[in-house]
Amino acid sequence: MTSDRMSLCRQLVASVLTGVLGAGVLAAVLLSTTAPALAHSSAGSRSDARRLVEHRVRPGETVTGLAVRFHAWTDEVIARNHLGRGAHLDVGQHLVIPVVEAALPRHRAHHDTRHQAHQARSAVRRVVARTAAAHGVDPQLALAVAWQESGWRMGLRSDAGAIGAMQVLPSTGAWMSLYEGRRLRLHRLHDNVTAGVRLLDVLLDETTRTRRAVAAYYQGLGAVREHGIYGESRPYVRNVLAIRDRLEAGRPPA
């Protein structure tokens, strides 16, 4: 703010205090005085906060996994590379990833935040593996589904209302609560994972084939029974199975 504007503001405040002007008039004048500067400072801040990084897709990589690794938003990666609804990636495909500059660790505070995020994902991984083993589900398959769905992030909520690490809809949570014999609270890590693993177990029993079970997790059991695996579901299935293979080989999911 310039010295002239500062002087004007002081005069206006004094007028309010002496009863010459009302507070509403002061607010209107101050807003008109400072608004241009505020508008100028916010213009283009979104684009300025991104750094474009080029990447070649490797086997087993997914959009969600790349977004987590590069500190990017999944929807921005999809939009930037025109990936479409299925967000299918081909090995060797060239991507441009809009990295969120503010999310990159530059000092201790950022390092601590990144460390906390890593610890949170590690906790999700442990709970998924343990819960899957307890229910007789392949832990690597359950982990692959969880990574594809959320990148092992418990705080994620989709536009459709799916919740948590396993991205479970409330209606599905109520259904799985019947199998569990108690109400599953999807905002709690253990219950969220239990619901997702229980669902995967049911789908494996109902479809008898891993590919169809994974597709049913994505598009619904009824749709798989009636129509088979949708074309838009095939990239999802391929990604999950590729992630499972990476985990079985002792490699990171992405």
C-alpha atoms as a PDB file:
ATOM      1  CA  MET A   1       0.000   0.000   0.000  1.00  0.00           C
ATOM      2  CA  THR A   2       1.373   3.485  -0.921  1.00  0.00           C
ATOM      3  CA  SER A   3       1.952   6.274   1.617  1.00  0.00           C
ATOM      4  CA  ASP A   4      -1.030   8.205   0.187  1.00  0.00           C
ATOM      5  CA  ARG A   5      -3.305   5.224   0.757  1.00  0.00           C
ATOM      6  CA  MET A   6      -1.918   4.723   4.265  1.00  0.00           C
ATOM      7  CA  SER A   7      -2.665   8.371   5.043  1.00  0.00           C
ATOM      8  CA  LEU A   8      -6.196   8.025   3.671  1.00  0.00           C
ATOM      9  CA  CYS A   9      -6.822   4.922   5.773  1.00  0.00           C
ATOM     10  CA  ARG A  10      -5.642   6.695   8.947  1.00  0.00           C
ATOM     11  CA  GLN A  11      -7.979   9.617   8.233  1.00  0.00           C
ATOM     12  CA  LEU A  12     -10.910   7.260   7.639  1.00  0.00           C
ATOM     13  CA  VAL A  13     -10.271   5.344  10.870  1.00  0.00           C
ATOM     14  CA  ALA A  14     -10.117   8.629  12.780  1.00  0.00           C
ATOM     15  CA  SER A  15     -13.430   9.678  11.224  1.00  0.00           C
ATOM     16  CA  VAL A  16     -15.085   6.462  12.401  1.00  0.00           C
ATOM     17  CA  LEU A  17     -13.745   6.897  15.917  1.00  0.00           C
ATOM     18  CA  THR A  18     -15.114  10.470  16.082  1.00  0.00           C
ATOM     19  CA  GLY A  19     -18.475   9.399  14.664  1.00  0.00           C
ATOM     20  CA  VAL A  20     -18.162  11.261  11.363  1.00  0.00           C
ATOM     21  CA  LEU A  21     -18.263   8.057   9.260  1.00  0.00           C
ATOM     22  CA  GLY A  22     -19.931   4.718   9.886  1.00  0.00           C
ATOM     23  CA  ALA A  23     -17.929   1.494  10.032  1.00  0.00           C
ATOM     24  CA  GLY A  24     -19.680   0.202   6.899  1.00  0.00           C
ATOM     25  CA  VAL A  25     -18.459   3.183   4.891  1.00  0.00           C
ATOM     26  CA  LEU A  26     -14.932   2.606   6.166  1.00  0.00           C
ATOM     27  CA  ALA A  27     -15.035  -1.062   5.146  1.00  0.00           C
ATOM     28  CA  ALA A  28     -16.262  -0.221   1.654  1.00  0.00           C
ATOM     29  CA  VAL A  29     -13.588   2.401   1.094  1.00  0.00           C
ATOM     30  CA  LEU A  30     -10.808   0.190   2.449  1.00  0.00           C
ATOM     31  CA  LEU A  31     -11.922  -2.691   0.236  1.00  0.00           C
ATOM     32  CA  SER A  32     -11.924  -0.537  -2.879  1.00  0.00           C
ATOM     33  CA  THR A  33      -8.527   0.855  -1.896  1.00  0.00           C
ATOM     34  CA  THR A  34      -6.789  -2.487  -1.298  1.00  0.00           C
ATOM     35  CA  ALA A  35      -8.656  -4.789  -3.708  1.00  0.00           C
ATOM     36  CA  PRO A  36      -6.485  -4.089  -6.792  1.00  0.00           C
ATOM     37  CA  ALA A  37      -3.335  -5.038  -4.895  1.00  0.00           C
ATOM     38  CA  LEU A  38      -4.928  -8.219  -3.558  1.00  0.00           C
ATOM     39  CA  ALA A  39      -6.218  -9.230  -6.976  1.00  0.00           C
ATOM     40  CA  HIS A  40      -2.802  -8.676  -8.503  1.00  0.00           C
ATOM     41  CA  SER A  41      -1.031 -10.737  -5.851  1.00  0.00           C
ATOM     42  CA  SER A  42      -3.310 -13.765  -6.336  1.00  0.00           C
ATOM     43  CA  ALA A  43      -3.320 -13.782 -10.135  1.00  0.00           C
ATOM     44  CA  GLY A  44      -1.465 -16.726 -11.593  1.00  0.00           C
ATOM     45  CA  SER A  45      -0.469 -18.147  -8.200  1.00  0.00           C
ATOM     46  CA  ARG A  46      -1.795 -21.601  -9.110  1.00  0.00           C
ATOM     47  CA  SER A  47       0.297 -21.939 -12.262  1.00  0.00           C
ATOM     48  CA  ASP A  48       3.352 -20.399 -10.599  1.00  0.00           C
ATOM     49  CA  ALA A  49       3.199 -23.100  -7.909  1.00  0.00           C
ATOM     50  CA  ARG A  50       3.797 -25.924 -10.402  1.00  0.00           C
ATOM     51  CA  ARG A  51       7.075 -27.219 -11.811  1.00  0.00           C
ATOM     52  CA  LEU A  52       6.771 -29.486 -14.849  1.00  0.00           C
ATOM     53  CA  VAL A  53       8.753 -32.726 -14.670  1.00  0.00           C
ATOM     54  CA  GLU A  54       9.046 -35.195 -17.548  1.00  0.00           C
ATOM     55  CA  HIS A  55       8.757 -38.914 -16.835  1.00  0.00           C
ATOM     56  CA  ARG A  56       8.748 -42.176 -18.792  1.00  0.00           C
ATOM     57  CA  VAL A  57       6.267 -44.755 -17.490  1.00  0.00           C
ATOM     58  CA  ARG A  58       7.794 -47.950 -16.108  1.00  0.00           C
ATOM     59  CA  PRO A  59       6.048 -51.317 -15.555  1.00  0.00           C
ATOM     60  CA  GLY A  60       3.578 -51.264 -12.672  1.00  0.00           C
ATOM     61  CA  GLU A  61       3.408 -47.496 -12.358  1.00  0.00           C
ATOM     62  CA  THR A  62       0.041 -45.822 -11.878  1.00  0.00           C
ATOM     63  CA  VAL A  63      -1.183 -42.246 -11.980  1.00  0.00           C
ATOM     64  CA  THR A  64      -1.929 -42.328  -8.248  1.00  0.00           C
ATOM     65  CA  GLY A  65       1.500 -43.720  -7.431  1.00  0.00           C
ATOM     66  CA  LEU A  66       3.284 -41.134  -9.567  1.00  0.00           C
ATOM     67  CA  ALA A  67       1.251 -38.330  -8.007  1.00  0.00           C
ATOM     68  CA  VAL A  68       2.283 -39.472  -4.528  1.00  0.00           C
ATOM     69  CA  ARG A  69       5.950 -39.842  -5.499  1.00  0.00           C
ATOM     70  CA  PHE A  70       6.264 -36.513  -7.319  1.00  0.00           C
ATOM     71  CA  HIS A  71       4.079 -34.430  -4.954  1.00  0.00           C
ATOM     72  CA  ALA A  72       1.413 -33.782  -7.584  1.00  0.00           C
ATOM     73  CA  TRP A  73      -2.375 -33.850  -7.764  1.00  0.00           C
ATOM     74  CA  THR A  74      -3.751 -36.946  -9.526  1.00  0.00           C
ATOM     75  CA  ASP A  75      -6.411 -34.989 -11.429  1.00  0.00           C
ATOM     76  CA  GLU A  76      -3.799 -32.502 -12.661  1.00  0.00           C
ATOM     77  CA  VAL A  77      -1.583 -35.319 -13.969  1.00  0.00           C
ATOM     78  CA  ILE A  78      -4.587 -36.807 -15.784  1.00  0.00           C
ATOM     79  CA  ALA A  79      -5.667 -33.467 -17.260  1.00  0.00           C
ATOM     80  CA  ARG A  80      -2.157 -32.384 -18.255  1.00  0.00           C
ATOM     81  CA  ASN A  81      -1.553 -35.617 -20.167  1.00  0.00           C
ATOM     82  CA  HIS A  82      -5.106 -36.081 -21.522  1.00  0.00           C
ATOM     83  CA  LEU A  83      -5.339 -39.546 -19.977  1.00  0.00           C
ATOM     84  CA  GLY A  84      -9.119 -39.714 -19.920  1.00  0.00           C
ATOM     85  CA  ARG A  85     -11.403 -41.407 -17.443  1.00  0.00           C
ATOM     86  CA  GLY A  86      -9.532 -44.710 -17.222  1.00  0.00           C
ATOM     87  CA  ALA A  87      -6.158 -42.975 -16.704  1.00  0.00           C
ATOM     88  CA  HIS A  88      -4.425 -45.932 -18.365  1.00  0.00           C
ATOM     89  CA  LEU A  89      -0.633 -45.775 -18.633  1.00  0.00           C
ATOM     90  CA  ASP A  90       1.514 -47.648 -21.150  1.00  0.00           C
ATOM     91  CA  VAL A  91       5.092 -48.651 -20.428  1.00  0.00           C
ATOM     92  CA  GLY A  92       7.399 -46.106 -22.044  1.00  0.00           C
ATOM     93  CA  GLN A  93       4.674 -43.469 -22.278  1.00  0.00           C
ATOM     94  CA  HIS A  94       5.917 -39.897 -21.910  1.00  0.00           C
ATOM     95  CA  LEU A  95       4.246 -37.876 -19.142  1.00  0.00           C
ATOM     96  CA  VAL A  96       4.533 -34.307 -17.970  1.00  0.00           C
ATOM     97  CA  ILE A  97       3.914 -34.132 -14.226  1.00  0.00           C
ATOM     98  CA  PRO A  98       2.938 -30.775 -12.637  1.00  0.00           C
ATOM     99  CA  VAL A  99       4.812 -30.940  -9.335  1.00  0.00           C
ATOM    100  CA  VAL A 100       3.398 -28.817  -6.509  1.00  0.00           C
ATOM    101  CA  GLU A 101       6.370 -26.654  -5.548  1.00  0.00           C
ATOM    102  CA  ALA A 102       5.017 -25.918  -2.078  1.00  0.00           C
ATOM    103  CA  ALA A 103       4.948 -29.652  -1.306  1.00  0.00           C
ATOM    104  CA  LEU A 104       8.646 -30.196  -2.035  1.00  0.00           C
ATOM    105  CA  PRO A 105      10.813 -30.557   1.087  1.00  0.00           C
ATOM    106  CA  ARG A 106      13.117 -27.516   1.287  1.00  0.00           C
ATOM    107  CA  HIS A 107      13.817 -27.310   5.018  1.00  0.00           C
ATOM    108  CA  ARG A 108      13.258 -29.159   8.252  1.00  0.00           C
ATOM    109  CA  ALA A 109       9.520 -28.502   8.467  1.00  0.00           C
ATOM    110  CA  HIS A 110       8.936 -29.920   4.991  1.00  0.00           C
ATOM    111  CA  HIS A 111      11.194 -32.876   5.789  1.00  0.00           C
ATOM    112  CA  ASP A 112       9.192 -33.604   8.930  1.00  0.00           C
ATOM    113  CA  THR A 113       5.913 -33.450   7.002  1.00  0.00           C
ATOM    114  CA  ARG A 114       7.239 -35.825   4.381  1.00  0.00           C
ATOM    115  CA  HIS A 115       8.508 -38.166   7.093  1.00  0.00           C
ATOM    116  CA  GLN A 116       5.103 -38.140   8.776  1.00  0.00           C
ATOM    117  CA  ALA A 117       3.407 -38.951   5.461  1.00  0.00           C
ATOM    118  CA  HIS A 118       5.810 -41.858   4.970  1.00  0.00           C
ATOM    119  CA  GLN A 119       5.047 -43.142   8.458  1.00  0.00           C
ATOM    120  CA  ALA A 120       1.305 -42.870   7.794  1.00  0.00           C
ATOM    121  CA  ARG A 121       1.612 -44.890   4.573  1.00  0.00           C
ATOM    122  CA  SER A 122       3.756 -47.459   6.390  1.00  0.00           C
ATOM    123  CA  ALA A 123       1.022 -47.821   9.009  1.00  0.00           C
ATOM    124  CA  VAL A 124      -1.572 -48.385   6.282  1.00  0.00           C
ATOM    125  CA  ARG A 125       0.677 -50.989   4.669  1.00  0.00           C
ATOM    126  CA  ARG A 126       1.082 -52.904   7.933  1.00  0.00           C
ATOM    127  CA  VAL A 127      -2.637 -52.900   8.690  1.00  0.00           C
ATOM    128  CA  VAL A 128      -3.611 -53.974   5.158  1.00  0.00           C
ATOM    129  CA  ALA A 129      -1.091 -56.836   5.113  1.00  0.00           C
ATOM    130  CA  ARG A 130      -2.061 -58.036   8.590  1.00  0.00           C
ATOM    131  CA  THR A 131      -5.817 -57.797   7.962  1.00  0.00           C
ATOM    132  CA  ALA A 132      -5.590 -59.547   4.591  1.00  0.00           C
ATOM    133  CA  ALA A 133      -3.603 -62.433   6.073  1.00  0.00           C
ATOM    134  CA  ALA A 134      -6.146 -62.777   8.890  1.00  0.00           C
ATOM    135  CA  HIS A 135      -8.981 -63.119   6.355  1.00  0.00           C
ATOM    136  CA  GLY A 136      -7.176 -65.478   4.002  1.00  0.00           C
ATOM    137  CA  VAL A 137      -6.697 -62.864   1.270  1.00  0.00           C
ATOM    138  CA  ASP A 138      -3.391 -62.504  -0.577  1.00  0.00           C
ATOM    139  CA  PRO A 139      -1.732 -59.587   1.281  1.00  0.00           C
ATOM    140  CA  GLN A 140       0.091 -58.394  -1.850  1.00  0.00           C
ATOM    141  CA  LEU A 141      -3.175 -58.254  -3.787  1.00  0.00           C
ATOM    142  CA  ALA A 142      -4.891 -56.302  -1.001  1.00  0.00           C
ATOM    143  CA  LEU A 143      -1.923 -53.931  -0.814  1.00  0.00           C
ATOM    144  CA  ALA A 144      -2.024 -53.463  -4.587  1.00  0.00           C
ATOM    145  CA  VAL A 145      -5.720 -52.575  -4.489  1.00  0.00           C
ATOM    146  CA  ALA A 146      -5.106 -50.127  -1.634  1.00  0.00           C
ATOM    147  CA  TRP A 147      -2.228 -48.481  -3.495  1.00  0.00           C
ATOM    148  CA  GLN A 148      -4.229 -48.173  -6.707  1.00  0.00           C
ATOM    149  CA  GLU A 149      -7.174 -46.733  -4.795  1.00  0.00           C
ATOM    150  CA  SER A 150      -5.434 -44.257  -2.506  1.00  0.00           C
ATOM    151  CA  GLY A 151      -1.643 -44.534  -2.583  1.00  0.00           C
ATOM    152  CA  TRP A 152      -1.975 -45.940   0.990  1.00  0.00           C
ATOM    153  CA  ARG A 153      -3.399 -42.640   2.228  1.00  0.00           C
ATOM    154  CA  MET A 154      -6.093 -42.805   4.876  1.00  0.00           C
ATOM    155  CA  GLY A 155      -7.176 -39.167   4.569  1.00  0.00           C
ATOM    156  CA  LEU A 156      -8.401 -39.484   0.983  1.00  0.00           C
ATOM    157  CA  ARG A 157     -12.090 -39.024   0.116  1.00  0.00           C
ATOM    158  CA  SER A 158     -13.333 -39.232  -3.471  1.00  0.00           C
ATOM    159  CA  ASP A 159     -15.950 -37.060  -5.165  1.00  0.00           C
ATOM    160  CA  ALA A 160     -18.234 -40.114  -5.116  1.00  0.00           C
ATOM    161  CA  GLY A 161     -17.903 -40.332  -1.322  1.00  0.00           C
ATOM    162  CA  ALA A 162     -15.495 -43.282  -1.119  1.00  0.00           C
ATOM    163  CA  ILE A 163     -13.479 -43.105   2.090  1.00  0.00           C
ATOM    164  CA  GLY A 164      -9.962 -43.865   3.219  1.00  0.00           C
ATOM    165  CA  ALA A 165      -7.157 -46.186   2.235  1.00  0.00           C
ATOM    166  CA  MET A 166      -9.426 -48.772   0.614  1.00  0.00           C
ATOM    167  CA  GLN A 167     -11.814 -46.133  -0.826  1.00  0.00           C
ATOM    168  CA  VAL A 168     -14.933 -47.769   0.599  1.00  0.00           C
ATOM    169  CA  LEU A 169     -18.367 -46.280  -0.036  1.00  0.00           C
ATOM    170  CA  PRO A 170     -20.609 -45.907   3.044  1.00  0.00           C
ATOM    171  CA  SER A 171     -23.133 -48.334   1.518  1.00  0.00           C
ATOM    172  CA  THR A 172     -20.372 -50.907   1.022  1.00  0.00           C
ATOM    173  CA  GLY A 173     -19.197 -50.312   4.576  1.00  0.00           C
ATOM    174  CA  ALA A 174     -22.700 -51.086   5.850  1.00  0.00           C
ATOM    175  CA  TRP A 175     -22.743 -54.273   3.750  1.00  0.00           C
ATOM    176  CA  MET A 176     -19.358 -55.420   5.061  1.00  0.00           C
ATOM    177  CA  SER A 177     -20.447 -54.616   8.623  1.00  0.00           C
ATOM    178  CA  LEU A 178     -22.915 -57.499   8.301  1.00  0.00           C
ATOM    179  CA  TYR A 179     -20.049 -59.882   7.536  1.00  0.00           C
ATOM    180  CA  GLU A 180     -17.984 -58.478  10.390  1.00  0.00           C
ATOM    181  CA  GLY A 181     -20.845 -58.605  12.890  1.00  0.00           C
ATOM    182  CA  ARG A 182     -20.333 -55.024  14.029  1.00  0.00           C
ATOM    183  CA  ARG A 183     -20.510 -51.511  12.658  1.00  0.00           C
ATOM    184  CA  LEU A 184     -17.399 -50.595  10.704  1.00  0.00           C
ATOM    185  CA  ARG A 185     -16.402 -46.946  11.038  1.00  0.00           C
ATOM    186  CA  LEU A 186     -14.764 -46.131   7.736  1.00  0.00           C
ATOM    187  CA  HIS A 187     -12.851 -43.101   9.016  1.00  0.00           C
ATOM    188  CA  ARG A 188     -10.841 -45.396  11.291  1.00  0.00           C
ATOM    189  CA  LEU A 189      -7.877 -47.097   9.651  1.00  0.00           C
ATOM    190  CA  HIS A 190      -8.478 -50.629  10.936  1.00  0.00           C
ATOM    191  CA  ASP A 191     -12.198 -50.575  10.134  1.00  0.00           C
ATOM    192  CA  ASN A 192     -11.628 -49.051   6.701  1.00  0.00           C
ATOM    193  CA  VAL A 193      -9.104 -51.726   5.809  1.00  0.00           C
ATOM    194  CA  THR A 194     -11.325 -54.446   7.263  1.00  0.00           C
ATOM    195  CA  ALA A 195     -14.202 -53.314   5.045  1.00  0.00           C
ATOM    196  CA  GLY A 196     -12.010 -53.255   1.934  1.00  0.00           C
ATOM    197  CA  VAL A 197     -10.382 -56.616   2.631  1.00  0.00           C
ATOM    198  CA  ARG A 198     -13.735 -58.202   3.488  1.00  0.00           C
ATOM    199  CA  LEU A 199     -15.126 -56.902   0.197  1.00  0.00           C
ATOM    200  CA  LEU A 200     -12.167 -58.269  -1.730  1.00  0.00           C
ATOM    201  CA  ASP A 201     -12.625 -61.637  -0.010  1.00  0.00           C
ATOM    202  CA  VAL A 202     -16.309 -61.737  -0.986  1.00  0.00           C
ATOM    203  CA  LEU A 203     -15.501 -60.785  -4.579  1.00  0.00           C
ATOM    204  CA  LEU A 204     -12.822 -63.463  -4.853  1.00  0.00           C
ATOM    205  CA  ASP A 205     -15.324 -66.064  -3.622  1.00  0.00           C
ATOM    206  CA  GLU A 206     -18.095 -64.870  -5.921  1.00  0.00           C
ATOM    207  CA  THR A 207     -16.036 -64.520  -9.104  1.00  0.00           C
ATOM    208  CA  THR A 208     -13.434 -67.297  -8.479  1.00  0.00           C
ATOM    209  CA  ARG A 209     -10.948 -65.383 -10.664  1.00  0.00           C
ATOM    210  CA  THR A 210      -8.579 -62.675  -9.494  1.00  0.00           C
ATOM    211  CA  ARG A 211      -8.984 -60.461 -12.564  1.00  0.00           C
ATOM    212  CA  ARG A 212     -12.766 -60.468 -12.273  1.00  0.00           C
ATOM    213  CA  ALA A 213     -12.603 -59.866  -8.519  1.00  0.00           C
ATOM    214  CA  VAL A 214     -10.360 -56.827  -9.015  1.00  0.00           C
ATOM    215  CA  ALA A 215     -12.660 -55.541 -11.762  1.00  0.00           C
ATOM    216  CA  ALA A 216     -15.645 -56.013  -9.436  1.00  0.00           C
ATOM    217  CA  TYR A 217     -13.900 -53.925  -6.769  1.00  0.00           C
ATOM    218  CA  TYR A 218     -13.795 -51.116  -9.338  1.00  0.00           C
ATOM    219  CA  GLN A 219     -17.077 -51.444 -11.248  1.00  0.00           C
ATOM    220  CA  GLY A 220     -19.256 -53.557  -8.948  1.00  0.00           C
ATOM    221  CA  LEU A 221     -20.013 -57.267  -8.701  1.00  0.00           C
ATOM    222  CA  GLY A 222     -23.376 -57.038 -10.459  1.00  0.00           C
ATOM    223  CA  ALA A 223     -21.862 -55.260 -13.448  1.00  0.00           C
ATOM    224  CA  VAL A 224     -19.130 -57.884 -13.795  1.00  0.00           C
ATOM    225  CA  ARG A 225     -21.680 -60.696 -13.619  1.00  0.00           C
ATOM    226  CA  GLU A 226     -23.949 -59.103 -16.198  1.00  0.00           C
ATOM    227  CA  HIS A 227     -21.505 -57.433 -18.581  1.00  0.00           C
ATOM    228  CA  GLY A 228     -18.058 -58.817 -17.828  1.00  0.00           C
ATOM    229  CA  ILE A 229     -15.089 -56.494 -17.381  1.00  0.00           C
ATOM    230  CA  TYR A 230     -15.763 -53.044 -18.829  1.00  0.00           C
ATOM    231  CA  GLY A 231     -13.191 -51.586 -21.193  1.00  0.00           C
ATOM    232  CA  GLU A 232     -12.598 -48.697 -18.799  1.00  0.00           C
ATOM    233  CA  SER A 233     -11.955 -51.194 -15.978  1.00  0.00           C
ATOM    234  CA  ARG A 234      -9.181 -53.050 -17.807  1.00  0.00           C
ATOM    235  CA  PRO A 235      -6.447 -50.448 -17.122  1.00  0.00           C
ATOM    236  CA  TYR A 236      -7.414 -50.540 -13.437  1.00  0.00           C
ATOM    237  CA  VAL A 237      -7.108 -54.336 -13.367  1.00  0.00           C
ATOM    238  CA  ARG A 238      -3.773 -54.264 -15.207  1.00  0.00           C
ATOM    239  CA  ASN A 239      -2.402 -51.669 -12.808  1.00  0.00           C
ATOM    240  CA  VAL A 240      -3.462 -53.603  -9.701  1.00  0.00           C
ATOM    241  CA  LEU A 241      -1.941 -56.858 -10.945  1.00  0.00           C
ATOM    242  CA  ALA A 242       1.272 -55.095 -11.993  1.00  0.00           C
ATOM    243  CA  ILE A 243       1.547 -53.491  -8.546  1.00  0.00           C
ATOM    244  CA  ARG A 244       0.967 -56.888  -6.925  1.00  0.00           C
ATOM    245  CA  ASP A 245       3.790 -58.363  -9.014  1.00  0.00           C
ATOM    246  CA  ARG A 246       6.125 -55.524  -7.989  1.00  0.00           C
ATOM    247  CA  LEU A 247       5.323 -56.060  -4.316  1.00  0.00           C
ATOM    248  CA  GLU A 248       5.820 -59.818  -4.609  1.00  0.00           C
ATOM    249  CA  ALA A 249       9.254 -59.130  -6.117  1.00  0.00           C
ATOM    250  CA  GLY A 250      10.151 -56.959  -3.119  1.00  0.00           C
ATOM    251  CA  ARG A 251       9.969 -53.729  -5.092  1.00  0.00           C
ATOM    252  CA  PRO A 252       8.084 -50.532  -4.176  1.00  0.00           C
ATOM    253  CA  PRO A 253       4.562 -50.191  -5.600  1.00  0.00           C
ATOM    254  CA  ALA A 254       5.532 -47.281  -7.850  1.00  0.00           C
END
